[in-house]
C-alpha cells in the first residue's frame, strides 16, 4: 500500500489519498497532527509527503523528547525498507515565506537528523531512523525533493 499524505485534491495515481479535508480523491480523512494515524505498524510500502511537511506544526513534525510526531508515525507505519518521498519548498525562501500557512521550514539537511550515519543524528538520537537520504531534485522554483528509506 502507498499513501499520499496531505494530498488535497491532487492525489497521485496508485496511492491512497490522506488529508484532513475531504477533497475529491481523498480516500481517508485524517488529521496528520493527531496521533496515532489509522494504519497498522509496518503496513505501508511508501509514504509520499508532497508539500505538506511545511504546514505541520514544528513540534508535531518532530518531538525531540521522543513523543509521537509525524516523523515517528511515518517510521511506524512504513514496512522495513519502506520509502519516504518528500517534496517541499526550501525553508525560508520566498516560496516558503509567501504562504501564510507555512510554519515548519525544512531543508534537505533537516532529514539528516534521522539518519544514524550522520553526525546530526547524535543531537537527538531519534528512534525513527531513516537511511539512504538522496536529494532527487533541486528545482529552479525553490523546491526540493528527497527519498529516504526506513532503517530497521
Protein backbone atom coordinates (compact mmCIF):
# COMPACT_ATOMS: atom_id res chain seq x y z
CA UNK A 1 0.00 0.00 0.00
CA UNK A 2 1.21 3.51 -0.84
CA UNK A 3 -0.02 6.69 0.90
CA UNK A 4 -0.10 10.24 -0.39
CA UNK A 5 -0.37 12.19 2.89
CA UNK A 6 -1.74 15.72 2.74
CA UNK A 7 -2.67 15.12 -0.89
CA UNK A 8 -5.53 17.64 -1.05
CA UNK A 9 -7.27 17.37 -4.42
CA UNK A 10 -4.04 16.26 -6.16
CA UNK A 11 -3.65 12.62 -5.13
CA UNK A 12 -1.10 10.74 -7.20
CA UNK A 13 -2.29 7.77 -9.21
CA UNK A 14 -1.67 4.46 -7.46
CA UNK A 15 -1.74 5.99 -3.97
CA UNK A 16 -4.30 6.13 -1.18
CA UNK A 17 -5.05 9.79 -0.51
CA UNK A 18 -4.94 11.04 3.09
CA UNK A 19 -5.94 14.57 4.08
CA UNK A 20 -7.82 16.34 6.86
CA UNK A 21 -10.29 17.79 4.33
CA UNK A 22 -12.48 15.52 2.19
CA UNK A 23 -11.36 16.76 -1.23
CA UNK A 24 -12.12 14.79 -4.37
CA UNK A 25 -9.59 11.94 -4.41
CA UNK A 26 -9.11 11.83 -0.62
CA UNK A 27 -9.73 8.25 0.49
CA UNK A 28 -9.05 8.65 4.22
CA UNK A 29 -9.83 11.78 6.21
CA UNK A 30 -7.18 12.09 8.91
CA UNK A 31 -5.60 14.98 10.80
CA UNK A 32 -1.89 14.33 10.37
CA UNK A 33 -1.17 16.28 13.57
CA UNK A 34 -3.18 13.81 15.67
CA UNK A 35 -1.59 10.51 16.65
CA UNK A 36 -1.65 7.61 16.13
CA UNK A 37 -2.62 7.56 12.46
CA UNK A 38 -5.16 4.87 11.44
CA UNK A 39 -2.62 2.46 9.93
CA UNK A 40 -1.03 -0.68 11.30
CA UNK A 41 2.68 -0.85 12.13
CA UNK A 42 4.90 -1.85 9.19
CA UNK A 43 1.95 -1.88 6.76
CA UNK A 44 2.83 0.79 4.18
CA UNK A 45 5.30 0.37 1.33
CA UNK A 46 5.69 4.09 0.54
CA UNK A 47 4.64 7.41 2.06
CA UNK A 48 4.56 10.43 -0.21
CA UNK A 49 4.55 13.80 1.57
CA UNK A 50 4.26 16.37 -1.17
CA UNK A 51 4.16 19.95 0.06
CA UNK A 52 2.64 19.04 3.41
CA UNK A 53 5.51 18.93 5.94
CA UNK A 54 5.97 22.71 5.79
CA UNK A 55 2.34 23.00 7.00
CA UNK A 56 2.85 20.76 10.06
CA UNK A 57 3.40 22.48 13.40
CA UNK A 58 7.10 22.16 14.29
CA UNK A 59 6.54 20.11 17.49
CA UNK A 60 4.14 17.83 15.61
CA UNK A 61 6.72 17.30 12.85
CA UNK A 62 9.39 16.10 15.31
CA UNK A 63 9.36 15.81 19.09
CA UNK A 64 12.93 15.84 20.43
CA UNK A 65 11.63 14.34 23.68
CA UNK A 66 10.52 11.19 21.87
CA UNK A 67 6.79 11.78 21.83
CA UNK A 68 4.53 10.99 18.88
CA UNK A 69 5.09 13.12 15.80
CA UNK A 70 4.82 12.96 12.03
CA UNK A 71 8.32 11.55 11.60
CA UNK A 72 7.74 8.79 14.16
CA UNK A 73 4.35 7.95 12.62
CA UNK A 74 5.82 7.67 9.13
CA UNK A 75 8.53 5.40 10.52
CA UNK A 76 5.97 3.33 12.48
CA UNK A 77 3.67 2.63 9.54
CA UNK A 78 6.37 2.05 6.91
CA UNK A 79 7.36 -1.55 6.29
CA UNK A 80 11.08 -2.38 6.67
CA UNK A 81 12.99 -0.63 3.88
CA UNK A 82 9.83 1.34 3.03
CA UNK A 83 10.25 4.61 1.15
CA UNK A 84 9.51 8.11 2.41
CA UNK A 85 9.31 10.53 -0.52
CA UNK A 86 9.31 14.23 0.45
CA UNK A 87 8.75 17.36 -1.61
CA UNK A 88 8.84 20.82 -0.05
CA UNK A 89 9.91 24.40 -0.64
CA UNK A 90 13.39 25.20 0.62
CA UNK A 91 12.83 26.67 4.10
CA UNK A 92 12.96 30.46 4.29
CA UNK A 93 12.94 31.04 0.53
CA UNK A 94 10.34 33.33 -0.99
CA UNK A 95 8.36 30.21 -1.98
CA UNK A 96 8.24 29.23 1.69
CA UNK A 97 7.64 32.68 3.16
CA UNK A 98 4.87 33.74 0.76
CA UNK A 99 2.36 31.14 2.04
CA UNK A 100 0.79 32.20 5.36
CA UNK A 101 0.06 28.55 6.26
CA UNK A 102 3.75 27.54 6.19
CA UNK A 103 5.01 27.10 9.76
CA UNK A 104 7.77 24.49 9.53
CA UNK A 105 10.76 25.42 7.35
CA UNK A 106 12.67 22.34 6.21
CA UNK A 107 15.69 21.79 4.01
CA UNK A 108 17.37 18.60 2.84
CA UNK A 109 19.71 18.64 5.85
CA UNK A 110 16.73 18.65 8.24
CA UNK A 111 16.29 14.97 7.41
CA UNK A 112 19.89 14.06 8.27
CA UNK A 113 18.86 14.30 11.93
CA UNK A 114 17.04 10.98 11.33
CA UNK A 115 19.99 9.14 9.74
CA UNK A 116 22.22 7.38 12.31
CA UNK A 117 25.15 7.62 9.87
CA UNK A 118 25.02 11.42 10.03
CA UNK A 119 26.75 13.43 12.78
CA UNK A 120 23.48 15.40 13.09
CA UNK A 121 21.71 12.27 14.37
CA UNK A 122 23.80 12.50 17.55
CA UNK A 123 21.97 15.69 18.64
CA UNK A 124 18.63 13.97 19.39
CA UNK A 125 19.14 10.27 18.55
CA UNK A 126 15.54 9.77 17.40
CA UNK A 127 14.19 6.24 17.37
CA UNK A 128 12.61 6.89 13.96
CA UNK A 129 15.68 6.14 11.85
CA UNK A 130 15.98 6.55 8.11
CA UNK A 131 18.89 5.98 5.78
CA UNK A 132 19.78 6.38 2.13
CA UNK A 133 18.76 10.01 2.10
CA UNK A 134 19.07 11.12 -1.50
CA UNK A 135 18.34 14.56 -2.88
CA UNK A 136 16.43 13.78 -6.03
CA UNK A 137 15.90 17.22 -7.45
CA UNK A 138 16.72 20.80 -6.59
CA UNK A 139 14.22 22.58 -8.79
CA UNK A 140 14.65 26.11 -10.04
CA UNK A 141 11.35 27.21 -8.49
CA UNK A 142 12.60 26.92 -4.92
CA UNK A 143 11.52 23.36 -4.10
CA UNK A 144 13.43 20.19 -3.29
CA UNK A 145 12.63 16.52 -3.41
CA UNK A 146 14.27 13.70 -1.48
CA UNK A 147 13.86 9.99 -0.79
CA UNK A 148 14.56 8.18 2.47
CA UNK A 149 14.41 4.51 3.42
CA UNK A 150 13.13 3.21 6.76
CA UNK A 151 16.07 1.90 8.76
CA UNK A 152 15.30 -1.13 10.96
